[in-house]
Amino acid sequence: MPLGPVRPSPLVEQAAERLREQITAGHWPVGTKLPGETTLAKELGVGRSTVREALRVLAGAGLVQPRQGAGVFVTATRTVEDWPTRLRRAAVTDVYEVRMAVEVHAARLAARRRTPEDVTAMERALEGRRAASASSDAAFVDADITFHAAVVAAAHNPVLADLFREFTPVLREGLVELLALTALRDDDPNTADEAHAALVRAVADGDAERAAEILRAELEDPFAG
């Protein structure tokens, strides 16, 4: 199957996509050495520098690997997605299970490592959540996530904080949809406020197991209040 020339712009992206199509279709199986830059440039109708950049894109996606003095070889026929991309494609239920693991452990660590400033930040976030109870579901979910982010921050573990930050967009979308479907806040606009207040107290008191248990029970509810 001939490659065919690409349109003038953007050349690198088009060249990379054309090569990716050939690799994922099995035209060049895993372990195969790709044609040289000159050959690829001629088939694609671009310069060698464009081919070189396109191959770098494919290498970053895990499809090819250059070998010094030997050429560029196919290492996979499927793109290796980065973590944010995988999260965007993940089911909300899967993300929620990860949230459970991350936040329960973060609550335990927060009770052990919190500073006075952390407690103040959680108290402010709790008040913000209460204030948002009179607002839309989306605003309430945003305030709820801000509160949980404050708890995670109090754990003083940057990896946990990064994980929470990465899956927040998917989590937010799922929670807003859930509230819209269940009308959970119709009877209690500030749903689960008592549990949130208890979590703040447990963290402030340094009761790690109590904090973890409160959050575990809370997250087992259909709405991660």
N, C-alpha and C. Protein backbone atom coordinates (compact mmCIF):
# COMPACT_ATOMS: atom_id res chain seq x y z
N MET A 1 0.86 -1.19 0.00
CA MET A 1 0.00 0.00 0.00
C MET A 1 0.90 1.24 0.00
N PRO A 2 0.85 2.04 -1.07
CA PRO A 2 1.72 3.22 -1.15
C PRO A 2 1.34 4.26 -0.11
N LEU A 3 2.34 5.00 0.34
CA LEU A 3 2.09 6.02 1.34
C LEU A 3 1.32 7.20 0.77
N GLY A 4 1.77 7.71 -0.37
CA GLY A 4 1.12 8.86 -0.97
C GLY A 4 1.60 10.15 -0.35
N PRO A 5 1.67 11.22 -1.09
CA PRO A 5 2.16 12.50 -0.58
C PRO A 5 1.17 13.11 0.42
N VAL A 6 1.68 13.97 1.31
CA VAL A 6 0.82 14.65 2.27
C VAL A 6 0.59 16.08 1.84
N ARG A 7 -0.42 16.69 2.42
CA ARG A 7 -0.70 18.09 2.12
C ARG A 7 0.36 18.97 2.77
N PRO A 8 0.52 20.21 2.31
CA PRO A 8 1.61 21.07 2.75
C PRO A 8 1.72 21.28 4.25
N SER A 9 0.60 21.39 5.00
CA SER A 9 0.71 21.79 6.41
C SER A 9 -0.43 21.17 7.21
N PRO A 10 -0.17 20.83 8.50
CA PRO A 10 1.15 20.80 9.16
C PRO A 10 1.89 19.53 8.80
N LEU A 11 3.05 19.67 8.26
CA LEU A 11 3.75 18.53 7.67
C LEU A 11 4.14 17.46 8.67
N VAL A 12 4.72 17.87 9.78
CA VAL A 12 5.19 16.87 10.74
C VAL A 12 4.03 16.01 11.26
N GLU A 13 2.92 16.66 11.64
CA GLU A 13 1.78 15.93 12.16
C GLU A 13 1.20 14.98 11.11
N GLN A 14 1.12 15.46 9.88
CA GLN A 14 0.58 14.62 8.80
C GLN A 14 1.50 13.46 8.50
N ALA A 15 2.80 13.73 8.47
CA ALA A 15 3.76 12.65 8.19
C ALA A 15 3.72 11.60 9.29
N ALA A 16 3.66 12.06 10.54
CA ALA A 16 3.61 11.13 11.67
C ALA A 16 2.34 10.29 11.62
N GLU A 17 1.23 10.91 11.28
CA GLU A 17 -0.04 10.18 11.21
C GLU A 17 -0.01 9.16 10.08
N ARG A 18 0.56 9.53 8.93
CA ARG A 18 0.63 8.58 7.81
C ARG A 18 1.50 7.38 8.16
N LEU A 19 2.62 7.63 8.81
CA LEU A 19 3.49 6.53 9.23
C LEU A 19 2.81 5.68 10.31
N ARG A 20 2.11 6.34 11.22
CA ARG A 20 1.39 5.61 12.28
C ARG A 20 0.35 4.67 11.67
N GLU A 21 -0.36 5.15 10.66
CA GLU A 21 -1.37 4.32 10.01
C GLU A 21 -0.75 3.06 9.41
N GLN A 22 0.42 3.22 8.81
CA GLN A 22 1.10 2.08 8.21
C GLN A 22 1.53 1.07 9.28
N ILE A 23 2.01 1.59 10.40
CA ILE A 23 2.49 0.71 11.47
C ILE A 23 1.32 -0.02 12.12
N THR A 24 0.25 0.71 12.47
CA THR A 24 -0.88 0.08 13.15
C THR A 24 -1.62 -0.89 12.23
N ALA A 25 -1.53 -0.68 10.92
CA ALA A 25 -2.17 -1.59 9.96
C ALA A 25 -1.34 -2.84 9.73
N GLY A 26 -0.13 -2.88 10.27
CA GLY A 26 0.71 -4.06 10.12
C GLY A 26 1.57 -4.05 8.88
N HIS A 27 1.64 -2.91 8.18
CA HIS A 27 2.48 -2.83 7.00
C HIS A 27 3.95 -3.05 7.36
N TRP A 28 4.32 -2.54 8.52
CA TRP A 28 5.66 -2.79 9.07
C TRP A 28 5.48 -3.47 10.43
N PRO A 29 5.62 -4.79 10.50
CA PRO A 29 5.42 -5.53 11.76
C PRO A 29 6.46 -5.15 12.81
N VAL A 30 6.18 -5.51 14.06
CA VAL A 30 7.12 -5.28 15.15
C VAL A 30 8.45 -5.95 14.83
N GLY A 31 9.53 -5.21 15.02
CA GLY A 31 10.87 -5.72 14.73
C GLY A 31 11.38 -5.33 13.36
N THR A 32 10.49 -4.80 12.53
CA THR A 32 10.87 -4.38 11.18
C THR A 32 11.63 -3.07 11.20
N LYS A 33 12.64 -3.00 10.37
CA LYS A 33 13.38 -1.75 10.21
C LYS A 33 12.65 -0.89 9.18
N LEU A 34 12.40 0.36 9.53
CA LEU A 34 11.73 1.27 8.61
C LEU A 34 12.67 1.66 7.48
N PRO A 35 12.11 2.02 6.35
CA PRO A 35 12.94 2.55 5.27
C PRO A 35 13.71 3.77 5.76
N GLY A 36 14.78 4.12 5.12
CA GLY A 36 15.59 5.26 5.52
C GLY A 36 14.87 6.59 5.35
N GLU A 37 15.41 7.63 5.98
CA GLU A 37 14.77 8.94 5.93
C GLU A 37 14.59 9.44 4.49
N THR A 38 15.58 9.18 3.66
CA THR A 38 15.50 9.66 2.28
C THR A 38 14.35 9.00 1.54
N THR A 39 14.20 7.69 1.74
CA THR A 39 13.12 6.96 1.08
C THR A 39 11.77 7.43 1.57
N LEU A 40 11.63 7.56 2.90
CA LEU A 40 10.36 8.00 3.47
C LEU A 40 10.03 9.43 3.03
N ALA A 41 11.04 10.27 2.97
CA ALA A 41 10.82 11.66 2.56
C ALA A 41 10.30 11.72 1.13
N LYS A 42 10.85 10.88 0.28
CA LYS A 42 10.42 10.86 -1.12
C LYS A 42 8.99 10.37 -1.25
N GLU A 43 8.64 9.29 -0.50
CA GLU A 43 7.29 8.74 -0.58
C GLU A 43 6.24 9.69 -0.01
N LEU A 44 6.64 10.40 1.05
CA LEU A 44 5.70 11.32 1.69
C LEU A 44 5.67 12.69 1.03
N GLY A 45 6.67 12.97 0.23
CA GLY A 45 6.73 14.27 -0.42
C GLY A 45 7.11 15.40 0.50
N VAL A 46 7.97 15.09 1.49
CA VAL A 46 8.43 16.10 2.45
C VAL A 46 9.95 16.03 2.56
N GLY A 47 10.50 16.94 3.33
CA GLY A 47 11.94 16.95 3.53
C GLY A 47 12.37 15.94 4.58
N ARG A 48 13.65 15.64 4.62
CA ARG A 48 14.17 14.67 5.59
C ARG A 48 13.99 15.16 7.02
N SER A 49 14.09 16.48 7.22
CA SER A 49 13.92 17.01 8.58
C SER A 49 12.51 16.77 9.09
N THR A 50 11.53 16.85 8.18
CA THR A 50 10.14 16.59 8.57
C THR A 50 9.97 15.12 8.96
N VAL A 51 10.58 14.23 8.19
CA VAL A 51 10.52 12.80 8.50
C VAL A 51 11.17 12.54 9.85
N ARG A 52 12.31 13.19 10.07
CA ARG A 52 13.03 12.99 11.33
C ARG A 52 12.16 13.40 12.52
N GLU A 53 11.48 14.53 12.41
CA GLU A 53 10.61 14.98 13.50
C GLU A 53 9.41 14.05 13.66
N ALA A 54 8.87 13.57 12.55
CA ALA A 54 7.74 12.65 12.62
C ALA A 54 8.13 11.35 13.32
N LEU A 55 9.32 10.88 13.06
CA LEU A 55 9.80 9.66 13.72
C LEU A 55 10.00 9.89 15.22
N ARG A 56 10.37 11.09 15.58
CA ARG A 56 10.50 11.41 17.01
C ARG A 56 9.13 11.36 17.68
N VAL A 57 8.12 11.83 16.99
CA VAL A 57 6.75 11.77 17.51
C VAL A 57 6.35 10.32 17.74
N LEU A 58 6.64 9.47 16.77
CA LEU A 58 6.29 8.06 16.88
C LEU A 58 7.10 7.37 17.96
N ALA A 59 8.35 7.78 18.13
CA ALA A 59 9.16 7.21 19.20
C ALA A 59 8.58 7.59 20.56
N GLY A 60 8.10 8.83 20.68
CA GLY A 60 7.49 9.27 21.93
C GLY A 60 6.20 8.52 22.24
N ALA A 61 5.53 8.04 21.19
CA ALA A 61 4.30 7.27 21.36
C ALA A 61 4.59 5.79 21.58
N GLY A 62 5.88 5.42 21.56
CA GLY A 62 6.25 4.03 21.82
C GLY A 62 6.12 3.10 20.63
N LEU A 63 5.96 3.66 19.42
CA LEU A 63 5.78 2.82 18.24
C LEU A 63 7.10 2.43 17.58
N VAL A 64 8.08 3.30 17.65
CA VAL A 64 9.37 3.00 17.02
C VAL A 64 10.51 3.35 17.97
N GLN A 65 11.67 2.81 17.65
CA GLN A 65 12.85 3.10 18.46
C GLN A 65 14.08 3.19 17.55
N PRO A 66 14.79 4.30 17.60
CA PRO A 66 16.01 4.41 16.80
C PRO A 66 17.15 3.64 17.46
N ARG A 67 17.95 2.97 16.66
CA ARG A 67 19.12 2.25 17.16
C ARG A 67 20.36 2.80 16.49
N GLN A 68 21.25 3.26 17.31
CA GLN A 68 22.45 3.94 16.82
C GLN A 68 23.16 3.12 15.75
N GLY A 69 23.28 3.72 14.57
CA GLY A 69 24.02 3.07 13.49
C GLY A 69 23.26 1.98 12.77
N ALA A 70 22.03 1.66 13.24
CA ALA A 70 21.28 0.56 12.62
C ALA A 70 20.00 1.02 11.95
N GLY A 71 19.43 2.14 12.39
CA GLY A 71 18.19 2.62 11.80
C GLY A 71 17.08 2.73 12.82
N VAL A 72 15.86 2.85 12.33
CA VAL A 72 14.68 2.98 13.20
C VAL A 72 13.83 1.72 13.04
N PHE A 73 13.47 1.11 14.18
CA PHE A 73 12.75 -0.15 14.17
C PHE A 73 11.38 -0.01 14.83
N VAL A 74 10.41 -0.77 14.33
CA VAL A 74 9.07 -0.78 14.91
C VAL A 74 9.11 -1.60 16.20
N THR A 75 8.60 -1.01 17.28
CA THR A 75 8.60 -1.68 18.58
C THR A 75 7.20 -2.03 19.07
N ALA A 76 6.17 -1.44 18.46
CA ALA A 76 4.78 -1.72 18.85
C ALA A 76 3.86 -1.29 17.72
N THR A 77 2.70 -1.89 17.66
CA THR A 77 1.72 -1.51 16.64
C THR A 77 0.54 -0.75 17.23
N ARG A 78 0.60 -0.55 18.55
CA ARG A 78 -0.43 0.24 19.22
C ARG A 78 0.25 1.35 20.02
N THR A 79 -0.35 2.52 19.96
CA THR A 79 0.21 3.67 20.67
C THR A 79 0.13 3.46 22.18
N VAL A 80 1.21 3.80 22.87
CA VAL A 80 1.22 3.76 24.33
C VAL A 80 0.67 5.09 24.84
N GLU A 81 -0.52 5.05 25.44
CA GLU A 81 -1.16 6.28 25.91
C GLU A 81 -0.54 6.74 27.21
N ASP A 82 -0.39 8.04 27.34
CA ASP A 82 0.10 8.56 28.61
C ASP A 82 -1.02 8.52 29.64
N TRP A 83 -0.67 8.77 30.90
CA TRP A 83 -1.62 8.65 32.00
C TRP A 83 -2.84 9.57 31.84
N PRO A 84 -2.65 10.86 31.54
CA PRO A 84 -3.83 11.72 31.38
C PRO A 84 -4.77 11.25 30.28
N THR A 85 -4.20 10.76 29.17
CA THR A 85 -5.04 10.28 28.07
C THR A 85 -5.85 9.07 28.50
N ARG A 86 -5.21 8.15 29.20
CA ARG A 86 -5.92 6.96 29.68
C ARG A 86 -7.04 7.33 30.65
N LEU A 87 -6.79 8.32 31.49
CA LEU A 87 -7.82 8.74 32.43
C LEU A 87 -9.02 9.33 31.71
N ARG A 88 -8.76 10.11 30.67
CA ARG A 88 -9.86 10.72 29.93
C ARG A 88 -10.74 9.66 29.28
N ARG A 89 -10.16 8.52 28.95
CA ARG A 89 -10.90 7.45 28.30
C ARG A 89 -11.50 6.47 29.29
N ALA A 90 -11.13 6.60 30.57
CA ALA A 90 -11.54 5.62 31.57
C ALA A 90 -13.00 5.79 31.96
N ALA A 91 -13.60 4.69 32.42
CA ALA A 91 -14.96 4.74 32.94
C ALA A 91 -14.94 5.42 34.30
N VAL A 92 -15.99 6.16 34.59
CA VAL A 92 -16.06 6.88 35.86
C VAL A 92 -15.96 5.92 37.04
N THR A 93 -16.56 4.74 36.90
CA THR A 93 -16.51 3.77 37.99
C THR A 93 -15.08 3.33 38.29
N ASP A 94 -14.28 3.18 37.24
CA ASP A 94 -12.88 2.80 37.44
C ASP A 94 -12.11 3.92 38.14
N VAL A 95 -12.36 5.15 37.70
CA VAL A 95 -11.70 6.30 38.32
C VAL A 95 -12.11 6.42 39.78
N TYR A 96 -13.39 6.13 40.05
CA TYR A 96 -13.89 6.24 41.41
C TYR A 96 -13.20 5.25 42.34
N GLU A 97 -12.93 4.05 41.83
CA GLU A 97 -12.22 3.06 42.63
C GLU A 97 -10.80 3.52 42.95
N VAL A 98 -10.16 4.16 41.98
CA VAL A 98 -8.82 4.71 42.22
C VAL A 98 -8.91 5.84 43.23
N ARG A 99 -9.96 6.65 43.11
CA ARG A 99 -10.15 7.74 44.06
C ARG A 99 -10.24 7.21 45.48
N MET A 100 -10.97 6.12 45.65
CA MET A 100 -11.11 5.52 46.97
C MET A 100 -9.73 5.18 47.55
N ALA A 101 -8.91 4.52 46.75
CA ALA A 101 -7.59 4.11 47.23
C ALA A 101 -6.72 5.32 47.57
N VAL A 102 -6.73 6.31 46.69
CA VAL A 102 -5.88 7.49 46.88
C VAL A 102 -6.33 8.31 48.08
N GLU A 103 -7.62 8.61 48.16
CA GLU A 103 -8.09 9.53 49.19
C GLU A 103 -8.12 8.93 50.59
N VAL A 104 -8.46 7.66 50.69
CA VAL A 104 -8.48 7.05 52.01
C VAL A 104 -7.07 7.05 52.60
N HIS A 105 -6.09 6.71 51.78
CA HIS A 105 -4.71 6.72 52.29
C HIS A 105 -4.26 8.15 52.56
N ALA A 106 -4.67 9.08 51.70
CA ALA A 106 -4.30 10.49 51.90
C ALA A 106 -4.87 11.01 53.21
N ALA A 107 -6.10 10.62 53.54
CA ALA A 107 -6.72 11.07 54.80
C ALA A 107 -5.93 10.56 55.99
N ARG A 108 -5.48 9.32 55.90
CA ARG A 108 -4.68 8.73 56.98
C ARG A 108 -3.36 9.51 57.15
N LEU A 109 -2.72 9.80 56.05
CA LEU A 109 -1.46 10.55 56.10
C LEU A 109 -1.69 11.98 56.56
N ALA A 110 -2.81 12.57 56.13
CA ALA A 110 -3.11 13.95 56.51
C ALA A 110 -3.23 14.08 58.02
N ALA A 111 -3.86 13.08 58.67
CA ALA A 111 -4.01 13.13 60.13
C ALA A 111 -2.65 13.05 60.82
N ARG A 112 -1.70 12.44 60.18
CA ARG A 112 -0.37 12.30 60.79
C ARG A 112 0.54 13.49 60.48
N ARG A 113 0.30 14.16 59.36
CA ARG A 113 1.26 15.16 58.89
C ARG A 113 0.70 16.57 58.84
N ARG A 114 -0.58 16.76 59.13
CA ARG A 114 -1.20 18.07 58.94
C ARG A 114 -0.50 19.14 59.77
N THR A 115 -0.51 20.33 59.21
CA THR A 115 -0.01 21.52 59.89
C THR A 115 -1.21 22.39 60.26
N PRO A 116 -1.03 23.37 61.11
CA PRO A 116 -2.15 24.29 61.40
C PRO A 116 -2.70 24.94 60.13
N GLU A 117 -1.80 25.23 59.19
CA GLU A 117 -2.24 25.84 57.93
C GLU A 117 -3.11 24.87 57.13
N ASP A 118 -2.77 23.58 57.17
CA ASP A 118 -3.58 22.58 56.47
C ASP A 118 -4.99 22.51 57.05
N VAL A 119 -5.07 22.54 58.37
CA VAL A 119 -6.38 22.47 59.03
C VAL A 119 -7.21 23.70 58.66
N THR A 120 -6.56 24.85 58.64
CA THR A 120 -7.25 26.08 58.26
C THR A 120 -7.76 25.98 56.83
N ALA A 121 -6.94 25.43 55.94
CA ALA A 121 -7.35 25.29 54.54
C ALA A 121 -8.55 24.35 54.41
N MET A 122 -8.56 23.27 55.17
CA MET A 122 -9.70 22.35 55.14
C MET A 122 -10.96 23.00 55.69
N GLU A 123 -10.82 23.77 56.77
CA GLU A 123 -11.97 24.46 57.34
C GLU A 123 -12.55 25.48 56.36
N ARG A 124 -11.67 26.18 55.68
CA ARG A 124 -12.13 27.15 54.68
C ARG A 124 -12.83 26.45 53.52
N ALA A 125 -12.27 25.32 53.10
CA ALA A 125 -12.88 24.56 52.01
C ALA A 125 -14.24 24.01 52.43
N LEU A 126 -14.36 23.62 53.70
CA LEU A 126 -15.65 23.14 54.20
C LEU A 126 -16.69 24.25 54.16
N GLU A 127 -16.29 25.46 54.57
CA GLU A 127 -17.20 26.60 54.51
C GLU A 127 -17.56 26.92 53.06
N GLY A 128 -16.60 26.78 52.17
CA GLY A 128 -16.87 27.02 50.76
C GLY A 128 -17.87 26.02 50.20
N ARG A 129 -17.76 24.78 50.66
CA ARG A 129 -18.70 23.74 50.23
C ARG A 129 -20.10 24.06 50.75
N ARG A 130 -20.17 24.52 51.98
CA ARG A 130 -21.48 24.87 52.56
C ARG A 130 -22.09 26.05 51.80
N ALA A 131 -21.27 27.01 51.45
CA ALA A 131 -21.77 28.18 50.72
C ALA A 131 -22.27 27.77 49.33
N ALA A 132 -21.59 26.78 48.74
CA ALA A 132 -21.97 26.34 47.39
C ALA A 132 -23.23 25.49 47.39
N SER A 133 -23.71 25.10 48.56
CA SER A 133 -24.92 24.26 48.62
C SER A 133 -26.14 24.98 48.06
N ALA A 134 -26.06 26.31 48.02
CA ALA A 134 -27.18 27.09 47.48
C ALA A 134 -27.02 27.33 45.98
N SER A 135 -25.96 26.77 45.40
CA SER A 135 -25.67 27.00 43.99
C SER A 135 -26.03 25.78 43.15
N SER A 136 -25.59 25.78 41.91
CA SER A 136 -25.87 24.69 40.98
C SER A 136 -25.12 23.42 41.38
N ASP A 137 -25.52 22.30 40.79
CA ASP A 137 -24.83 21.05 41.06
C ASP A 137 -23.36 21.15 40.68
N ALA A 138 -23.08 21.79 39.55
CA ALA A 138 -21.69 21.90 39.10
C ALA A 138 -20.85 22.70 40.10
N ALA A 139 -21.41 23.80 40.60
CA ALA A 139 -20.68 24.62 41.57
C ALA A 139 -20.48 23.85 42.88
N PHE A 140 -21.48 23.08 43.26
CA PHE A 140 -21.36 22.29 44.49
C PHE A 140 -20.29 21.21 44.35
N VAL A 141 -20.27 20.54 43.20
CA VAL A 141 -19.25 19.52 42.95
C VAL A 141 -17.86 20.14 42.96
N ASP A 142 -17.72 21.32 42.36
CA ASP A 142 -16.42 22.01 42.36
C ASP A 142 -15.96 22.30 43.78
N ALA A 143 -16.89 22.76 44.61
CA ALA A 143 -16.54 23.06 46.01
C ALA A 143 -16.22 21.78 46.78
N ASP A 144 -16.92 20.71 46.46
CA ASP A 144 -16.67 19.43 47.11
C ASP A 144 -15.27 18.92 46.76
N ILE A 145 -14.93 19.02 45.48
CA ILE A 145 -13.61 18.56 45.04
C ILE A 145 -12.51 19.43 45.66
N THR A 146 -12.78 20.73 45.79
CA THR A 146 -11.81 21.62 46.43
C THR A 146 -11.54 21.18 47.87
N PHE A 147 -12.60 20.78 48.56
CA PHE A 147 -12.44 20.29 49.93
C PHE A 147 -11.57 19.04 49.96
N HIS A 148 -11.88 18.08 49.11
CA HIS A 148 -11.12 16.83 49.09
C HIS A 148 -9.67 17.08 48.67
N ALA A 149 -9.46 18.05 47.80
CA ALA A 149 -8.10 18.40 47.40
C ALA A 149 -7.32 18.94 48.58
N ALA A 150 -7.99 19.67 49.47
CA ALA A 150 -7.33 20.21 50.66
C ALA A 150 -6.90 19.08 51.60
N VAL A 151 -7.73 18.05 51.69
CA VAL A 151 -7.36 16.89 52.52
C VAL A 151 -6.15 16.18 51.92
N VAL A 152 -6.19 15.97 50.62
CA VAL A 152 -5.06 15.31 49.94
C VAL A 152 -3.79 16.14 50.10
N ALA A 153 -3.91 17.46 49.99
CA ALA A 153 -2.73 18.33 50.13
C ALA A 153 -2.13 18.21 51.52
N ALA A 154 -2.97 17.98 52.53
CA ALA A 154 -2.49 17.87 53.90
C ALA A 154 -1.67 16.61 54.13
N ALA A 155 -1.74 15.67 53.20
CA ALA A 155 -0.94 14.45 53.31
C ALA A 155 0.52 14.72 52.99
N HIS A 156 0.79 15.83 52.32
CA HIS A 156 2.16 16.23 51.95
C HIS A 156 2.88 15.13 51.20
N ASN A 157 2.17 14.55 50.25
CA ASN A 157 2.75 13.56 49.34
C ASN A 157 2.46 14.05 47.92
N PRO A 158 3.46 14.56 47.21
CA PRO A 158 3.21 15.14 45.89
C PRO A 158 2.69 14.15 44.86
N VAL A 159 3.04 12.87 45.01
CA VAL A 159 2.54 11.87 44.06
C VAL A 159 1.04 11.67 44.22
N LEU A 160 0.58 11.56 45.48
CA LEU A 160 -0.86 11.45 45.73
C LEU A 160 -1.59 12.68 45.22
N ALA A 161 -1.00 13.84 45.45
CA ALA A 161 -1.63 15.09 45.00
C ALA A 161 -1.73 15.12 43.48
N ASP A 162 -0.68 14.67 42.79
CA ASP A 162 -0.70 14.64 41.33
C ASP A 162 -1.74 13.66 40.81
N LEU A 163 -1.84 12.49 41.44
CA LEU A 163 -2.85 11.51 41.03
C LEU A 163 -4.26 12.08 41.16
N PHE A 164 -4.51 12.71 42.31
CA PHE A 164 -5.83 13.30 42.53
C PHE A 164 -6.12 14.37 41.47
N ARG A 165 -5.13 15.19 41.19
CA ARG A 165 -5.30 16.27 40.22
C ARG A 165 -5.58 15.72 38.82
N GLU A 166 -4.93 14.61 38.47
CA GLU A 166 -5.09 14.05 37.14
C GLU A 166 -6.49 13.49 36.92
N PHE A 167 -7.04 12.80 37.91
CA PHE A 167 -8.36 12.19 37.66
C PHE A 167 -9.52 13.10 38.03
N THR A 168 -9.23 14.29 38.54
CA THR A 168 -10.30 15.22 38.92
C THR A 168 -11.26 15.57 37.77
N PRO A 169 -10.78 15.86 36.55
CA PRO A 169 -11.73 16.22 35.48
C PRO A 169 -12.75 15.12 35.18
N VAL A 170 -12.30 13.86 35.13
CA VAL A 170 -13.22 12.76 34.87
C VAL A 170 -14.18 12.59 36.04
N LEU A 171 -13.64 12.70 37.25
CA LEU A 171 -14.46 12.57 38.45
C LEU A 171 -15.52 13.66 38.50
N ARG A 172 -15.13 14.89 38.20
CA ARG A 172 -16.07 16.01 38.24
C ARG A 172 -17.23 15.78 37.28
N GLU A 173 -16.91 15.39 36.07
CA GLU A 173 -17.95 15.15 35.07
C GLU A 173 -18.93 14.07 35.53
N GLY A 174 -18.39 13.00 36.09
CA GLY A 174 -19.24 11.92 36.55
C GLY A 174 -20.14 12.33 37.70
N LEU A 175 -19.61 13.12 38.65
CA LEU A 175 -20.40 13.53 39.80
C LEU A 175 -21.50 14.52 39.41
N VAL A 176 -21.20 15.42 38.50
CA VAL A 176 -22.22 16.37 38.04
C VAL A 176 -23.36 15.61 37.36
N GLU A 177 -23.00 14.64 36.53
CA GLU A 177 -24.02 13.84 35.85
C GLU A 177 -24.84 13.03 36.86
N LEU A 178 -24.16 12.49 37.86
CA LEU A 178 -24.86 11.70 38.86
C LEU A 178 -25.88 12.53 39.63
N LEU A 179 -25.50 13.72 40.02
CA LEU A 179 -26.42 14.59 40.74
C LEU A 179 -27.62 14.97 39.89
N ALA A 180 -27.36 15.19 38.61
CA ALA A 180 -28.46 15.55 37.71
C ALA A 180 -29.44 14.39 37.56
N LEU A 181 -28.93 13.17 37.56
CA LEU A 181 -29.78 12.00 37.37
C LEU A 181 -30.55 11.62 38.64
N THR A 182 -29.92 11.78 39.79
CA THR A 182 -30.52 11.31 41.04
C THR A 182 -31.30 12.36 41.81
N ALA A 183 -31.07 13.64 41.50
CA ALA A 183 -31.70 14.73 42.26
C ALA A 183 -31.42 14.57 43.75
N LEU A 184 -30.24 14.10 44.07
CA LEU A 184 -29.88 13.80 45.46
C LEU A 184 -29.93 15.02 46.36
N ARG A 185 -29.66 16.21 45.79
CA ARG A 185 -29.60 17.41 46.61
C ARG A 185 -30.94 18.09 46.79
N ASP A 186 -32.00 17.54 46.21
CA ASP A 186 -33.31 18.18 46.34
C ASP A 186 -33.74 18.26 47.80
N ASP A 187 -33.52 17.20 48.54
CA ASP A 187 -33.92 17.16 49.95
C ASP A 187 -32.82 17.69 50.87
N ASP A 188 -31.58 17.55 50.45
CA ASP A 188 -30.44 17.98 51.27
C ASP A 188 -29.39 18.63 50.38
N PRO A 189 -29.53 19.95 50.13
CA PRO A 189 -28.61 20.63 49.22
C PRO A 189 -27.15 20.53 49.64
N ASN A 190 -26.90 20.38 50.94
CA ASN A 190 -25.53 20.29 51.45
C ASN A 190 -25.25 18.86 51.90
N THR A 191 -25.57 17.92 51.03
CA THR A 191 -25.48 16.51 51.36
C THR A 191 -24.10 16.12 51.90
N ALA A 192 -24.11 15.29 52.94
CA ALA A 192 -22.89 14.74 53.57
C ALA A 192 -22.04 15.78 54.29
N ASP A 193 -22.66 16.90 54.68
CA ASP A 193 -21.90 17.93 55.40
C ASP A 193 -21.36 17.40 56.73
N GLU A 194 -22.16 16.61 57.42
CA GLU A 194 -21.74 16.10 58.72
C GLU A 194 -20.50 15.23 58.61
N ALA A 195 -20.44 14.40 57.57
CA ALA A 195 -19.28 13.55 57.36
C ALA A 195 -18.03 14.38 57.05
N HIS A 196 -18.21 15.43 56.29
CA HIS A 196 -17.07 16.29 55.96
C HIS A 196 -16.54 16.99 57.21
N ALA A 197 -17.45 17.47 58.04
CA ALA A 197 -17.03 18.14 59.28
C ALA A 197 -16.31 17.15 60.19
N ALA A 198 -16.81 15.92 60.26
CA ALA A 198 -16.18 14.90 61.09
C ALA A 198 -14.78 14.57 60.57
N LEU A 199 -14.61 14.59 59.26
CA LEU A 199 -13.29 14.33 58.67
C LEU A 199 -12.30 15.41 59.07
N VAL A 200 -12.74 16.65 59.02
CA VAL A 200 -11.86 17.75 59.43
C VAL A 200 -11.43 17.57 60.88
N ARG A 201 -12.37 17.22 61.74
CA ARG A 201 -12.05 17.04 63.16
C ARG A 201 -11.06 15.90 63.37
N ALA A 202 -11.27 14.79 62.65
CA ALA A 202 -10.37 13.64 62.80
C ALA A 202 -8.96 13.99 62.35
N VAL A 203 -8.84 14.69 61.24
CA VAL A 203 -7.51 15.10 60.76
C VAL A 203 -6.88 16.06 61.75
N ALA A 204 -7.65 17.04 62.21
CA ALA A 204 -7.11 18.03 63.16
C ALA A 204 -6.68 17.36 64.45
N ASP A 205 -7.41 16.31 64.87
CA ASP A 205 -7.07 15.61 66.12
C ASP A 205 -5.92 14.61 65.94
N GLY A 206 -5.51 14.40 64.69
CA GLY A 206 -4.44 13.44 64.44
C GLY A 206 -4.88 12.00 64.53
N ASP A 207 -6.17 11.75 64.38
CA ASP A 207 -6.71 10.39 64.46
C ASP A 207 -6.72 9.79 63.05
N ALA A 208 -5.63 9.14 62.69
CA ALA A 208 -5.44 8.66 61.32
C ALA A 208 -6.47 7.60 60.92
N GLU A 209 -6.70 6.63 61.78
CA GLU A 209 -7.63 5.56 61.42
C GLU A 209 -9.06 6.06 61.36
N ARG A 210 -9.42 6.99 62.24
CA ARG A 210 -10.76 7.57 62.21
C ARG A 210 -10.96 8.36 60.92
N ALA A 211 -9.95 9.13 60.53
CA ALA A 211 -10.04 9.91 59.30
C ALA A 211 -10.21 9.00 58.09
N ALA A 212 -9.43 7.92 58.06
CA ALA A 212 -9.51 6.98 56.94
C ALA A 212 -10.88 6.32 56.90
N GLU A 213 -11.41 5.94 58.06
CA GLU A 213 -12.69 5.26 58.11
C GLU A 213 -13.84 6.17 57.70
N ILE A 214 -13.79 7.43 58.12
CA ILE A 214 -14.83 8.39 57.74
C ILE A 214 -14.85 8.56 56.23
N LEU A 215 -13.68 8.71 55.64
CA LEU A 215 -13.61 8.93 54.21
C LEU A 215 -14.00 7.67 53.44
N ARG A 216 -13.61 6.52 53.95
CA ARG A 216 -13.99 5.27 53.29
C ARG A 216 -15.51 5.12 53.26
N ALA A 217 -16.15 5.37 54.40
CA ALA A 217 -17.60 5.26 54.47
C ALA A 217 -18.28 6.28 53.56
N GLU A 218 -17.71 7.45 53.51
CA GLU A 218 -18.26 8.52 52.70
C GLU A 218 -18.19 8.18 51.21
N LEU A 219 -17.06 7.65 50.78
CA LEU A 219 -16.88 7.37 49.37
C LEU A 219 -17.63 6.11 48.92
N GLU A 220 -18.10 5.33 49.84
CA GLU A 220 -18.90 4.16 49.47
C GLU A 220 -20.34 4.56 49.14
N ASP A 221 -20.68 5.82 49.46
CA ASP A 221 -22.00 6.34 49.10
C ASP A 221 -22.03 6.64 47.62
N PRO A 222 -23.19 6.52 46.94
CA PRO A 222 -23.27 6.80 45.50
C PRO A 222 -22.74 8.18 45.15
N PHE A 223 -22.97 9.16 46.03
CA PHE A 223 -22.37 10.47 45.79
C PHE A 223 -21.24 10.67 46.75
N ALA A 224 -20.02 10.93 46.21
CA ALA A 224 -18.83 11.04 47.04
C ALA A 224 -18.81 12.36 47.74
N GLY A 225 -19.80 12.67 48.48
CA GLY A 225 -20.04 13.97 49.09
C GLY A 225 -18.93 14.78 49.55
